[in-house]
Amino acid sequence: MPIRRALLSVFDKSGIVEFARELSARGVELLSTGGTWKALKDAGIPVIEVADYTGFPEMMDGRVKTLHPKIHGGLLCVRDDAHHVAAAQANGIGMIDLVVVNLYPFEATADKPGSTTADKIEKIDIGGPSMLRSAAKNHAFVTVIVEPADYSRCLAEMSTNAGDTTLAFRQRCARTVFRTTGRYDALIADELGRIAGSPAEESFPTEYAIPLKKVQELRYGENPHQLAALYDCRLPGVAGVTKLRQLNGKELSYNNLMDADAAWCLVNEFAGPACAIIKHTNPCGCATGVTLDQAFVRAYDGDPQAAFGGIIAFNRTVDAATAEAMVPRQFVEVVIAPEFSPEALTILTTKPKWKTNVRLIAVGQASAIPAGAKYAKNVLGGLLVQDYDTLGWDPANLKTVSTRAPTAAELANLEFAWLVCKHLKSNAICLVKDHELVGAGAGQMSRVNSTWIATSLAKDRAKGSVAASDAFFPFPDGVETLIAAGVTAIIQPGGSKGDEAVIAAANKHNIAMVLTGTRHFRH
């Protein structure tokens, strides 16, 4: 049966007048409400106001207008069920064959600075999701559209199907509706939690819907045979890869974004100009400097071989001097920063190799991760969800357990090392000298193996460096490896049954050892 009656009620009016005019030209009777009704009427398109159709006035500031049996009966009636059809006829309910609805902008209102709780509550749409769900449930007979992009598709369907749409099209539209209303409800639950101050007892609720929205499809996943996409799960005000603006280069892949995220999270641990270089989510270079270009040179010198094909992150706008320092270097996959100066962009997008290959990503100025924010990793069939590891450097919790306390210079480097170590995969060991990462061992099955790797990479630079360990040393062997390489101070969480022997090894060689009481495993 061709579409005979349509109900149009949209907040986003993009394209709605043109769509309605086409429907009307095809003999479709139009019902509408509020601003949509006015827009169609002003455009000279024949349209019936829903209040006139139902015989029931709009009330309560528009909260009650489409919640009526003549609307929902017309949407939910199963057309080939005699009992349904008889009930509709007995109650004067006509069929509604097409519903076009998009929702109040709850998310935009919630994210708007200065928006009050009352403002947010008022933008919780009730009639819209109700009509969408009714129509989508009855998609065997009713076409339902929630995205303006589907207007032209609907008209094309009607043109080739004698005024009707195909079941496949209606099924696809119904899936889109339930995904849209599902995210909408998740956004509301999320924001109500923020309004309430994220109650501790609701940190991990029994039912947990994440309001995901696709940012972009990716070149591929971890490997070229895997498809992938980037989704935003809404952390208002937090800059990161989900807020990216790609200014140059090839399409991004899953691995590019995983590494860019790791680099961005590390580099923003530091207050001064800083640069981090990441390979496979592990830092292979990290340094601070008086200027950003100095920070880059020092970070790159940490491990030039590993930096090949790496991801470079900055915590400041990339300027011309930093761009000039980068371009002579070997192959780079991605550069991520809050912004790029016009001069830096000119340099980076006109140099051979850089202008076609290197992806430049601006993500805005970093801000603190809000309390209660969650981090998820997928396991087969589900997700592991935990709080973000937002603990940083806390001098109040430090405990010097060695006979010799660290010097002021050692303590400053221990702070740097501790923040870098937090971003290495466990078992993690890193060596730092003059606020520069000079050696790292990560992802090893044995902590002592990580110490061997870190000291081997550091070579002569290990002499006079400090070391950090993301978890306790179970035995003295790892500490002894560090000491033999020339490390002068060590920071670690402590808490091992072997602490006494580990501390004794440090004292034997006059090494300063500081305990944090906090572990930073990263899997």
Protein backbone atom coordinates (compact mmCIF):
# COMPACT_ATOMS: atom_id res chain seq x y z
CA MET A 1 0.00 0.00 0.00
CA PRO A 2 1.33 3.45 -0.82
CA ILE A 3 2.07 5.96 1.91
CA ARG A 4 -1.10 8.01 2.41
CA ARG A 5 -0.51 9.90 5.66
CA ALA A 6 2.69 11.18 7.24
CA LEU A 7 3.45 12.83 10.58
CA LEU A 8 6.35 15.30 10.56
CA SER A 9 7.71 16.75 13.81
CA VAL A 10 11.39 17.73 13.79
CA PHE A 11 13.69 19.95 15.82
CA ASP A 12 16.36 19.95 13.09
CA LYS A 13 14.43 21.35 10.15
CA SER A 14 17.20 20.81 7.58
CA GLY A 15 15.51 19.74 4.36
CA ILE A 16 12.09 19.18 5.93
CA VAL A 17 10.24 21.76 3.80
CA GLU A 18 11.59 20.29 0.57
CA PHE A 19 10.79 16.76 1.72
CA ALA A 20 7.27 17.71 2.79
CA ARG A 21 6.63 19.46 -0.53
CA GLU A 22 7.60 16.27 -2.41
CA LEU A 23 5.36 14.14 -0.17
CA SER A 24 2.43 16.51 -0.64
CA ALA A 25 2.93 16.46 -4.41
CA ARG A 26 2.58 12.67 -4.25
CA GLY A 27 -0.79 12.98 -2.52
CA VAL A 28 0.43 12.28 1.03
CA GLU A 29 -1.63 13.95 3.78
CA LEU A 30 0.65 15.74 6.22
CA LEU A 31 0.23 16.05 9.99
CA SER A 32 2.57 18.20 12.03
CA THR A 33 3.18 20.02 15.31
CA GLY A 34 4.58 23.29 16.62
CA GLY A 35 7.49 24.81 14.75
CA THR A 36 7.40 22.19 12.01
CA TRP A 37 3.73 22.84 11.33
CA LYS A 38 4.43 26.58 11.11
CA ALA A 39 7.40 26.08 8.76
CA LEU A 40 5.32 23.95 6.39
CA LYS A 41 2.32 26.27 6.56
CA ASP A 42 4.51 29.32 5.89
CA ALA A 43 5.94 27.49 2.87
CA GLY A 44 2.42 27.08 1.47
CA ILE A 45 2.35 23.30 1.95
CA PRO A 46 -1.04 21.80 2.95
CA VAL A 47 -0.64 20.51 6.54
CA ILE A 48 -2.95 19.58 9.42
CA GLU A 49 -1.97 20.48 12.97
CA VAL A 50 -1.92 17.43 15.24
CA ALA A 51 -4.22 19.15 17.78
CA ASP A 52 -6.88 19.53 15.06
CA TYR A 53 -6.37 15.92 13.97
CA THR A 54 -6.72 14.46 17.47
CA GLY A 55 -9.29 16.97 18.70
CA PHE A 56 -7.16 17.33 21.80
CA PRO A 57 -5.29 20.58 22.54
CA GLU A 58 -1.53 20.83 22.97
CA MET A 59 -0.84 21.56 26.64
CA MET A 60 1.73 21.90 29.43
CA ASP A 61 4.13 23.96 27.33
CA GLY A 62 4.09 21.36 24.58
CA ARG A 63 4.87 18.40 26.83
CA VAL A 64 1.58 16.77 25.81
CA LYS A 65 0.66 16.94 22.14
CA THR A 66 1.31 13.65 20.32
CA LEU A 67 0.69 11.29 23.26
CA HIS A 68 -2.76 10.35 22.01
CA PRO A 69 -4.49 7.11 20.82
CA LYS A 70 -5.21 8.63 17.40
CA ILE A 71 -1.46 9.04 16.94
CA HIS A 72 -0.11 5.86 18.51
CA GLY A 73 -3.04 3.74 17.39
CA GLY A 74 -2.38 4.93 13.85
CA LEU A 75 1.28 3.94 14.22
CA LEU A 76 0.91 0.62 16.04
CA CYS A 77 -2.05 -0.89 14.22
CA VAL A 78 -1.08 -4.16 12.54
CA ARG A 79 -2.67 -3.65 9.15
CA ASP A 80 -3.35 -7.34 8.42
CA ASP A 81 -4.80 -8.10 11.86
CA ALA A 82 -8.60 -7.90 11.67
CA HIS A 83 -8.95 -7.18 15.41
CA HIS A 84 -6.49 -4.27 15.19
CA VAL A 85 -8.22 -2.83 12.12
CA ALA A 86 -11.68 -3.18 13.71
CA ALA A 87 -10.49 -1.43 16.89
CA ALA A 88 -9.07 1.41 14.83
CA GLN A 89 -12.28 1.82 12.84
CA ALA A 90 -14.45 1.69 15.95
CA ASN A 91 -12.44 4.49 17.55
CA GLY A 92 -11.98 6.70 14.52
CA ILE A 93 -8.25 6.01 14.28
CA GLY A 94 -6.70 6.51 10.85
CA MET A 95 -3.46 4.90 9.74
CA ILE A 96 -0.18 6.85 9.80
CA ASP A 97 2.20 5.34 7.27
CA LEU A 98 5.27 7.55 7.62
CA VAL A 99 6.80 9.23 10.69
CA VAL A 100 9.59 11.80 10.42
CA VAL A 101 10.93 12.82 13.83
CA ASN A 102 14.24 14.02 15.23
CA LEU A 103 14.75 14.78 18.87
CA TYR A 104 15.20 17.77 21.13
CA PRO A 105 18.92 18.64 21.36
CA PHE A 106 19.51 17.31 24.86
CA GLU A 107 23.24 16.75 24.34
CA ALA A 108 23.89 20.24 22.94
CA THR A 109 21.93 21.78 25.82
CA ALA A 110 23.77 19.70 28.43
CA ASP A 111 27.15 20.70 26.96
CA LYS A 112 26.28 24.40 26.68
CA PRO A 113 28.15 26.56 29.24
CA GLY A 114 25.77 28.00 31.80
CA SER A 115 23.00 25.52 31.01
CA THR A 116 20.91 24.90 34.15
CA THR A 117 19.41 21.65 35.34
CA ALA A 118 15.98 22.99 34.39
CA ASP A 119 17.25 23.76 30.87
CA LYS A 120 18.51 20.20 30.52
CA ILE A 121 15.36 18.58 31.88
CA GLU A 122 13.21 20.60 29.49
CA LYS A 123 15.18 19.21 26.54
CA ILE A 124 14.37 15.59 27.46
CA ASP A 125 12.13 14.62 24.55
CA ILE A 126 9.16 12.39 25.40
CA GLY A 127 6.75 12.56 22.48
CA GLY A 128 9.49 12.19 19.87
CA PRO A 129 11.02 8.94 21.15
CA SER A 130 7.53 7.57 21.82
CA MET A 131 6.44 8.09 18.21
CA LEU A 132 9.74 6.79 16.89
CA ARG A 133 9.54 3.63 18.96
CA SER A 134 5.90 2.99 18.06
CA ALA A 135 6.61 3.40 14.36
CA ALA A 136 9.82 1.38 14.51
CA LYS A 137 8.08 -1.47 16.33
CA ASN A 138 5.50 -1.60 13.54
CA HIS A 139 8.05 -1.26 10.75
CA ALA A 140 6.38 -4.10 8.86
CA PHE A 141 3.86 -1.44 7.83
CA VAL A 142 5.24 1.97 8.88
CA THR A 143 8.24 3.86 7.54
CA VAL A 144 10.08 5.85 10.21
CA ILE A 145 12.84 8.40 9.56
CA VAL A 146 15.05 10.01 12.19
CA GLU A 147 17.93 11.24 10.01
CA PRO A 148 17.54 13.99 7.36
CA ALA A 149 19.98 12.03 5.18
CA ASP A 150 17.21 9.45 4.68
CA TYR A 151 14.72 11.93 3.13
CA SER A 152 16.07 11.45 -0.38
CA ARG A 153 16.34 7.69 0.11
CA CYS A 154 12.68 7.56 1.18
CA LEU A 155 11.58 9.49 -1.92
CA ALA A 156 13.66 7.20 -4.13
CA GLU A 157 12.00 4.17 -2.52
CA MET A 158 8.55 5.66 -3.10
CA SER A 159 9.38 6.41 -6.74
CA THR A 160 10.36 2.81 -7.48
CA ASN A 161 7.73 1.06 -5.34
CA ALA A 162 4.44 2.69 -6.35
CA GLY A 163 4.47 5.12 -3.44
CA ASP A 164 5.54 2.59 -0.82
CA THR A 165 8.91 1.66 0.67
CA THR A 166 10.53 -1.76 0.79
CA LEU A 167 10.62 -3.86 3.94
CA ALA A 168 14.43 -3.83 3.82
CA PHE A 169 14.40 -0.01 3.90
CA ARG A 170 11.90 0.06 6.76
CA GLN A 171 13.94 -2.47 8.71
CA ARG A 172 17.09 -0.40 8.29
CA CYS A 173 15.26 2.75 9.41
CA ALA A 174 13.87 0.91 12.45
CA ARG A 175 17.37 -0.18 13.46
CA THR A 176 18.53 3.43 13.14
CA VAL A 177 15.66 4.56 15.39
CA PHE A 178 16.42 2.15 18.22
CA ARG A 179 20.12 2.98 18.08
CA THR A 180 19.26 6.69 18.17
CA THR A 181 16.81 6.46 21.06
CA GLY A 182 19.16 4.09 22.90
CA ARG A 183 22.00 6.62 22.77
CA TYR A 184 19.59 9.43 23.64
CA ASP A 185 18.51 7.64 26.82
CA ALA A 186 22.13 6.81 27.67
CA LEU A 187 23.03 10.52 27.34
CA ILE A 188 20.24 11.49 29.69
CA ALA A 189 21.21 8.87 32.30
CA ASP A 190 24.83 9.99 32.02
CA GLU A 191 23.97 13.67 32.49
CA LEU A 192 21.59 13.01 35.39
CA GLY A 193 24.50 11.21 37.05
CA ARG A 194 26.68 14.29 36.55
CA ILE A 195 23.97 16.53 37.97
CA ALA A 196 23.77 14.28 41.04
CA GLY A 197 27.55 14.40 41.45
CA SER A 198 28.19 10.85 40.16
CA PRO A 199 27.01 8.92 43.26
CA ALA A 200 29.62 6.35 44.30
CA GLU A 201 27.04 3.55 44.56
CA GLU A 202 26.23 4.10 40.86
CA SER A 203 29.83 4.00 39.62
CA PHE A 204 29.19 0.58 38.08
CA PRO A 205 25.40 0.28 37.73
CA THR A 206 23.65 -2.99 36.97
CA GLU A 207 22.59 -1.66 33.56
CA TYR A 208 25.24 0.44 31.83
CA ALA A 209 24.55 2.08 28.48
CA ILE A 210 27.44 4.03 26.92
CA PRO A 211 26.35 6.96 24.69
CA LEU A 212 28.56 6.19 21.70
CA LYS A 213 28.50 8.27 18.52
CA LYS A 214 30.59 7.53 15.45
CA VAL A 215 33.27 10.13 14.75
CA GLN A 216 34.66 8.52 11.61
CA GLU A 217 35.35 5.25 9.87
CA LEU A 218 39.00 4.24 9.88
CA ARG A 219 41.34 3.04 7.20
CA TYR A 220 41.42 -0.37 8.87
CA GLY A 221 41.75 -1.97 12.29
CA GLU A 222 44.84 -3.43 13.93
CA ASN A 223 45.44 -5.26 10.64
CA PRO A 224 44.32 -4.41 7.08
CA HIS A 225 41.77 -7.26 7.01
CA GLN A 226 39.92 -5.79 10.03
CA LEU A 227 37.38 -2.98 9.66
CA ALA A 228 37.24 -0.27 12.35
CA ALA A 229 35.62 3.01 13.34
CA LEU A 230 36.19 5.68 15.99
CA TYR A 231 33.35 6.45 18.43
CA ASP A 232 33.00 9.25 20.98
CA CYS A 233 31.56 8.30 24.38
CA ARG A 234 31.09 11.90 25.59
CA LEU A 235 33.48 13.35 28.11
CA PRO A 236 32.43 17.02 27.87
CA GLY A 237 35.30 19.47 27.75
CA VAL A 238 38.01 16.80 27.52
CA ALA A 239 40.30 17.12 24.50
CA GLY A 240 41.47 13.89 22.90
CA VAL A 241 41.44 11.86 19.70
CA THR A 242 37.61 11.73 19.61
CA LYS A 243 37.69 15.53 19.15
CA LEU A 244 40.35 15.41 16.44
CA ARG A 245 40.61 17.68 13.42
CA GLN A 246 42.85 16.07 10.83
CA LEU A 247 44.77 18.81 9.06
CA ASN A 248 46.97 16.72 6.77
CA GLY A 249 47.92 13.24 5.69
CA LYS A 250 46.43 9.88 4.87
CA GLU A 251 43.39 8.31 6.51
CA LEU A 252 43.85 7.19 10.10
CA SER A 253 43.94 3.56 11.16
CA TYR A 254 43.02 1.92 14.46
CA ASN A 255 46.68 1.63 15.44
CA ASN A 256 47.34 5.29 14.60
CA LEU A 257 44.63 6.36 17.02
CA MET A 258 45.62 3.92 19.76
CA ASP A 259 49.17 5.28 19.66
CA ALA A 260 48.04 8.91 19.31
CA ASP A 261 45.83 8.51 22.37
CA ALA A 262 48.68 6.96 24.37
CA ALA A 263 51.04 9.78 23.37
CA TRP A 264 48.47 12.48 24.14
CA CYS A 265 47.70 11.07 27.59
CA LEU A 266 51.41 10.90 28.47
CA VAL A 267 52.48 14.32 27.22
CA ASN A 268 49.73 16.04 29.20
CA GLU A 269 51.15 14.75 32.47
CA PHE A 270 53.64 17.64 32.30
CA ALA A 271 53.10 21.33 33.00
CA GLY A 272 56.04 22.68 30.96
CA PRO A 273 56.67 22.28 27.22
CA ALA A 274 56.82 18.52 26.61
CA CYS A 275 57.06 15.98 23.81
CA ALA A 276 56.30 12.26 23.83
CA ILE A 277 57.07 9.73 21.11
CA ILE A 278 55.11 6.47 21.13
CA LYS A 279 55.52 3.11 19.42
CA HIS A 280 52.85 0.45 19.94
CA THR A 281 51.38 2.48 22.85
CA ASN A 282 54.71 2.52 24.72
CA PRO A 283 56.87 5.65 25.14
CA CYS A 284 60.21 5.35 23.35
CA GLY A 285 60.97 9.03 23.85
CA CYS A 286 59.76 11.68 26.25
CA ALA A 287 61.27 14.95 27.44
CA THR A 288 60.54 18.44 28.64
CA GLY A 289 62.38 21.56 27.54
CA VAL A 290 62.54 25.30 27.88
CA THR A 291 60.95 25.46 24.43
CA LEU A 292 58.82 22.96 22.53
CA ASP A 293 61.42 22.37 19.83
CA GLN A 294 64.00 21.63 22.52
CA ALA A 295 61.60 19.14 24.13
CA PHE A 296 61.17 17.42 20.75
CA VAL A 297 64.92 17.11 20.07
CA ARG A 298 65.51 15.68 23.54
CA ALA A 299 62.60 13.24 23.23
CA TYR A 300 63.75 12.07 19.80
CA ASP A 301 67.28 11.53 21.04
CA GLY A 302 65.96 9.19 23.72
CA ASP A 303 65.75 6.34 21.17
CA PRO A 304 66.07 7.53 17.54
CA GLN A 305 65.87 3.98 16.20
CA ALA A 306 62.56 3.22 17.93
CA ALA A 307 61.19 6.65 16.99
CA PHE A 308 61.14 5.57 13.31
CA GLY A 309 57.47 5.35 12.30
CA GLY A 310 56.39 6.71 15.68
CA ILE A 311 53.64 8.99 16.88
CA ILE A 312 54.74 12.39 18.22
CA ALA A 313 52.67 14.33 20.75
CA PHE A 314 53.05 17.84 22.09
CA ASN A 315 51.27 19.61 24.93
CA ARG A 316 51.62 23.03 23.30
CA THR A 317 50.73 24.52 19.92
CA VAL A 318 53.33 23.36 17.42
CA ASP A 319 55.25 26.43 16.27
CA ALA A 320 57.55 27.03 13.30
CA ALA A 321 60.72 26.21 15.23
CA THR A 322 59.31 22.84 16.31
CA ALA A 323 58.12 22.08 12.79
CA GLU A 324 61.59 22.86 11.39
CA ALA A 325 63.11 20.54 14.00
CA MET A 326 60.81 17.67 12.98
CA VAL A 327 60.99 17.67 9.20
CA PRO A 328 64.58 16.34 8.81
CA ARG A 329 63.73 13.31 10.95
CA GLN A 330 62.93 9.86 9.70
CA PHE A 331 59.47 8.50 8.91
CA VAL A 332 56.69 9.78 11.21
CA GLU A 333 53.12 8.42 11.26
CA VAL A 334 51.19 11.03 13.26
CA VAL A 335 51.77 14.34 15.02
CA ILE A 336 49.14 15.23 17.63
CA ALA A 337 48.97 18.57 19.43
CA PRO A 338 46.43 21.06 20.76
CA GLU A 339 46.93 23.20 17.64
CA PHE A 340 49.43 24.00 14.86
CA SER A 341 50.46 27.57 14.09
CA PRO A 342 49.87 28.72 10.47
CA GLU A 343 53.64 28.87 9.97
CA ALA A 344 54.10 25.33 11.29
CA LEU A 345 51.32 24.04 9.03
CA THR A 346 52.94 25.62 6.01
CA ILE A 347 56.27 23.98 6.82
CA LEU A 348 54.81 20.54 7.57
CA THR A 349 52.44 20.42 4.60
CA THR A 350 54.89 21.53 1.94
CA LYS A 351 57.93 19.40 2.74
CA PRO A 352 58.43 16.23 0.67
CA LYS A 353 57.08 13.06 2.35
CA TRP A 354 55.37 15.11 5.07
CA LYS A 355 52.80 16.79 2.82
CA THR A 356 51.29 13.51 1.58
CA ASN A 357 51.94 11.01 4.33
CA VAL A 358 52.17 12.48 7.83
CA ARG A 359 48.86 12.86 9.62
CA LEU A 360 48.61 16.13 11.56
CA ILE A 361 45.94 16.06 14.27
CA ALA A 362 44.73 19.03 16.32
CA VAL A 363 42.61 18.14 19.35
CA GLY A 364 42.31 21.35 21.36
CA GLN A 365 43.74 22.30 24.72
CA ALA A 366 43.93 19.47 27.25
CA SER A 367 41.94 19.58 30.46
CA ALA A 368 41.69 17.40 33.54
CA ILE A 369 39.82 14.10 33.21
CA PRO A 370 36.64 14.50 35.29
CA ALA A 371 36.04 12.42 38.41
CA GLY A 372 34.13 9.23 37.71
CA ALA A 373 35.26 8.99 34.07
CA LYS A 374 35.54 5.40 32.91
CA TYR A 375 37.97 3.49 30.70
CA ALA A 376 36.93 0.32 28.89
CA LYS A 377 38.70 -2.52 27.14
CA ASN A 378 36.93 -5.26 25.29
CA VAL A 379 37.10 -8.92 26.13
CA LEU A 380 35.41 -11.58 24.02
CA GLY A 381 31.71 -10.86 24.33
CA GLY A 382 31.93 -7.88 26.65
CA LEU A 383 33.81 -4.97 28.18
CA LEU A 384 36.04 -4.51 31.19
CA VAL A 385 35.26 -1.10 32.67
CA GLN A 386 37.34 0.77 35.23
CA ASP A 387 38.07 4.29 36.44
CA TYR A 388 40.76 6.21 34.59
CA ASP A 389 44.12 6.11 36.34
CA THR A 390 44.26 9.81 37.19
CA LEU A 391 46.71 9.53 40.10
CA GLY A 392 49.86 11.45 39.35
CA TRP A 393 52.71 12.77 41.45
CA ASP A 394 51.88 13.10 45.14
CA PRO A 395 54.86 14.21 47.27
CA ALA A 396 52.80 13.81 50.45
CA ASN A 397 52.72 10.03 50.00
CA LEU A 398 56.42 9.56 49.23
CA LYS A 399 58.49 7.60 51.71
CA THR A 400 62.29 7.51 51.58
CA VAL A 401 63.30 4.04 52.79
CA SER A 402 67.02 4.13 51.96
CA THR A 403 69.76 5.48 54.21
CA ARG A 404 70.47 8.19 51.67
CA ALA A 405 67.66 10.52 50.67
CA PRO A 406 67.46 11.63 47.03
CA THR A 407 68.97 14.99 46.14
CA ALA A 408 66.68 17.75 44.86
CA ALA A 409 67.83 17.05 41.28
CA GLU A 410 67.24 13.30 41.70
CA LEU A 411 63.78 13.90 43.16
CA ALA A 412 62.81 16.08 40.18
CA ASN A 413 63.93 13.35 37.80
CA LEU A 414 62.16 10.69 39.88
CA GLU A 415 58.94 12.65 39.43
CA PHE A 416 59.44 12.70 35.66
CA ALA A 417 60.30 8.98 35.63
CA TRP A 418 57.26 8.07 37.73
CA LEU A 419 54.90 9.86 35.33
CA VAL A 420 56.48 8.21 32.28
CA CYS A 421 56.48 4.77 33.89
CA LYS A 422 52.73 5.06 34.49
CA HIS A 423 52.27 5.01 30.69
CA LEU A 424 54.49 2.00 29.92
CA LYS A 425 53.04 -1.49 29.65
CA SER A 426 53.74 -3.74 32.65
CA ASN A 427 56.19 -4.95 33.74
CA ALA A 428 57.54 -1.42 33.31
CA ILE A 429 60.95 0.08 34.05
CA CYS A 430 62.20 3.42 32.77
CA LEU A 431 65.44 5.37 33.14
CA VAL A 432 65.44 9.16 33.12
CA LYS A 433 68.26 11.68 33.02
CA ASP A 434 67.81 15.46 33.03
CA HIS A 435 64.05 15.11 32.39
CA GLU A 436 64.61 12.91 29.37
CA LEU A 437 63.63 9.27 28.92
CA VAL A 438 66.86 7.40 28.09
CA GLY A 439 65.77 3.77 28.44
CA ALA A 440 62.55 1.79 28.84
CA GLY A 441 61.64 -1.84 29.33
CA ALA A 442 57.95 -2.69 28.98
CA GLY A 443 55.52 -5.56 28.57
CA GLN A 444 57.93 -8.22 29.79
CA MET A 445 56.95 -11.34 31.71
CA SER A 446 59.72 -10.70 34.25
CA ARG A 447 60.52 -7.36 35.89
CA VAL A 448 64.24 -8.13 35.82
CA ASN A 449 63.99 -8.60 32.05
CA SER A 450 62.53 -5.09 31.81
CA THR A 451 65.53 -3.74 33.75
CA TRP A 452 67.93 -5.46 31.33
CA ILE A 453 66.14 -3.95 28.33
CA ALA A 454 65.96 -0.46 29.85
CA THR A 455 69.62 -0.37 30.82
CA SER A 456 70.71 -1.87 27.48
CA LEU A 457 68.85 0.85 25.58
CA ALA A 458 70.23 3.59 27.83
CA LYS A 459 73.85 2.36 27.45
CA ASP A 460 76.26 4.95 28.87
CA ARG A 461 73.40 7.34 29.62
CA ALA A 462 72.32 5.01 32.43
CA LYS A 463 75.22 6.37 34.50
CA GLY A 464 73.81 9.08 36.77
CA SER A 465 70.20 8.38 35.75
CA VAL A 466 67.23 7.58 37.98
CA ALA A 467 64.81 4.67 37.53
CA ALA A 468 61.12 4.07 38.08
CA SER A 469 59.24 0.79 38.38
CA ASP A 470 55.45 0.62 37.96
CA ALA A 471 55.16 -2.08 40.65
CA PHE A 472 57.32 -3.47 43.46
CA PHE A 473 60.54 -5.42 42.99
CA PRO A 474 59.92 -8.96 44.27
CA PHE A 475 63.65 -9.64 44.52
CA PRO A 476 66.88 -7.58 44.61
CA ASP A 477 68.01 -8.79 41.16
CA GLY A 478 66.22 -6.07 39.21
CA VAL A 479 67.55 -3.35 41.52
CA GLU A 480 71.06 -4.79 41.26
CA THR A 481 70.85 -4.63 37.45
CA LEU A 482 69.92 -0.95 37.65
CA ILE A 483 72.68 -0.18 40.14
CA ALA A 484 75.27 -1.98 38.01
CA ALA A 485 74.29 0.22 35.05
CA GLY A 486 74.89 3.40 37.06
CA VAL A 487 71.42 4.36 38.35
CA THR A 488 71.67 6.59 41.44
CA ALA A 489 68.04 6.71 42.65
CA ILE A 490 64.97 4.48 42.30
CA ILE A 491 61.25 5.08 42.78
CA GLN A 492 58.80 2.21 43.13
CA PRO A 493 55.53 1.42 44.94
CA GLY A 494 56.95 -1.02 47.52
CA GLY A 495 54.80 -3.58 49.30
CA SER A 496 56.69 -6.73 48.37
CA LYS A 497 57.60 -9.47 50.86
CA GLY A 498 61.10 -8.90 49.54
CA ASP A 499 61.16 -5.14 50.35
CA GLU A 500 63.73 -5.57 53.10
CA ALA A 501 66.22 -7.30 50.80
CA VAL A 502 65.55 -4.81 47.99
CA ILE A 503 66.16 -1.83 50.29
CA ALA A 504 69.31 -3.49 51.65
CA ALA A 505 70.67 -3.79 48.09
CA ALA A 506 70.08 -0.06 47.57
CA ASN A 507 71.78 0.84 50.86
CA LYS A 508 74.75 -1.38 50.08
CA HIS A 509 75.55 0.86 47.10
CA ASN A 510 74.39 4.17 48.62
CA ILE A 511 71.41 4.37 46.25
CA ALA A 512 68.39 6.53 47.16
CA MET A 513 65.09 4.64 47.16
CA VAL A 514 61.64 6.19 47.43
CA LEU A 515 58.33 4.33 47.79
CA THR A 516 55.04 5.74 46.50
CA GLY A 517 52.59 3.19 47.92
CA THR A 518 50.76 3.33 44.56
CA ARG A 519 51.00 0.84 41.72
CA HIS A 520 50.50 1.78 38.06
CA PHE A 521 49.98 -1.47 36.14
CA ARG A 522 49.01 -0.95 32.52
CA HIS A 523 47.86 -3.93 30.48
